[in-house]
Amino acid sequence: HMTPALVKSFMEKRPFLSATELNAFLAQSLKPQQIAEFYGKAFVHIKLNTAPDAEILMIPGAGPRMLR
């Protein structure tokens, strides 16, 4: 679902300072299911010890139980 225009915009906006910032950028152009597919194929580094709950919940398959 990454169109050439979206990829160009993505490259221009880098670096994203957090996964939350990246998610907000993707949400402007992609549907939630498309974003989930993106995260399933892309590597996004998240420090689990310091990441906010919202970032941990973006991990494919992660749920509220994983926050503990």
Protein backbone atom coordinates (compact mmCIF):
# COMPACT_ATOMS: atom_id res chain seq x y z
CA HIS A 1 0.00 0.00 0.00
CA MET A 2 3.07 2.21 -0.07
CA THR A 3 2.58 4.28 -3.20
CA PRO A 4 5.54 6.09 -4.78
CA ALA A 5 4.18 9.41 -3.46
CA LEU A 6 3.85 8.01 0.07
CA VAL A 7 7.36 6.55 -0.03
CA LYS A 8 8.77 9.89 -1.21
CA SER A 9 6.97 11.70 1.61
CA PHE A 10 8.15 9.03 4.06
CA MET A 11 11.77 9.53 3.00
CA GLU A 12 11.49 13.30 3.31
CA LYS A 13 10.04 13.11 6.85
CA ARG A 14 12.78 10.83 8.22
CA PRO A 15 14.01 10.41 10.86
CA PHE A 16 10.93 9.68 12.94
CA LEU A 17 11.77 10.23 16.60
CA SER A 18 9.41 7.52 17.82
CA ALA A 19 7.15 4.74 16.59
CA THR A 20 4.20 6.89 17.66
CA GLU A 21 5.35 9.66 15.32
CA LEU A 22 5.76 7.15 12.48
CA ASN A 23 2.29 5.75 13.18
CA ALA A 24 0.74 9.23 13.06
CA PHE A 25 2.42 9.83 9.69
CA LEU A 26 1.16 6.53 8.26
CA ALA A 27 -2.37 7.12 9.60
CA GLN A 28 -2.66 10.17 7.34
CA SER A 29 -2.64 7.94 4.25
CA LEU A 30 -3.26 4.33 5.27
CA LYS A 31 -6.13 2.45 6.90
CA PRO A 32 -5.49 0.66 10.24
CA GLN A 33 -5.32 -2.75 8.51
CA GLN A 34 -2.77 -1.41 6.01
CA ILE A 35 -0.67 0.03 8.84
CA ALA A 36 -0.74 -3.36 10.60
CA GLU A 37 0.51 -4.98 7.38
CA PHE A 38 3.28 -2.37 7.16
CA TYR A 39 4.48 -3.15 10.69
CA GLY A 40 4.35 -6.86 9.93
CA LYS A 41 6.87 -6.34 7.13
CA ALA A 42 8.95 -3.43 8.41
CA PHE A 43 11.44 -3.43 11.24
CA VAL A 44 10.72 -0.69 13.74
CA HIS A 45 13.11 -0.56 16.70
CA ILE A 46 11.28 -0.18 20.01
CA LYS A 47 12.96 -0.25 23.42
CA LEU A 48 10.51 -2.33 25.42
CA ASN A 49 11.84 -1.13 28.78
CA THR A 50 11.22 2.53 28.04
CA ALA A 51 8.57 2.55 25.29
CA PRO A 52 5.16 4.04 26.05
CA ASP A 53 2.21 1.64 26.10
CA ALA A 54 0.95 3.02 22.77
CA GLU A 55 4.18 1.97 21.02
CA ILE A 56 4.18 -1.52 22.52
CA LEU A 57 0.59 -2.03 21.39
CA MET A 58 1.67 -1.29 17.79
CA ILE A 59 3.72 -4.50 17.75
CA PRO A 60 1.82 -7.08 15.65
CA GLY A 61 0.16 -9.55 17.99
CA ALA A 62 0.78 -7.49 21.14
CA GLY A 63 -2.14 -6.85 23.40
CA PRO A 64 -2.87 -5.30 26.77
CA ARG A 65 -1.53 -8.38 28.53
CA MET A 66 1.92 -7.81 27.04
CA LEU A 67 2.10 -4.39 28.70
CA ARG A 68 2.71 -6.06 32.05
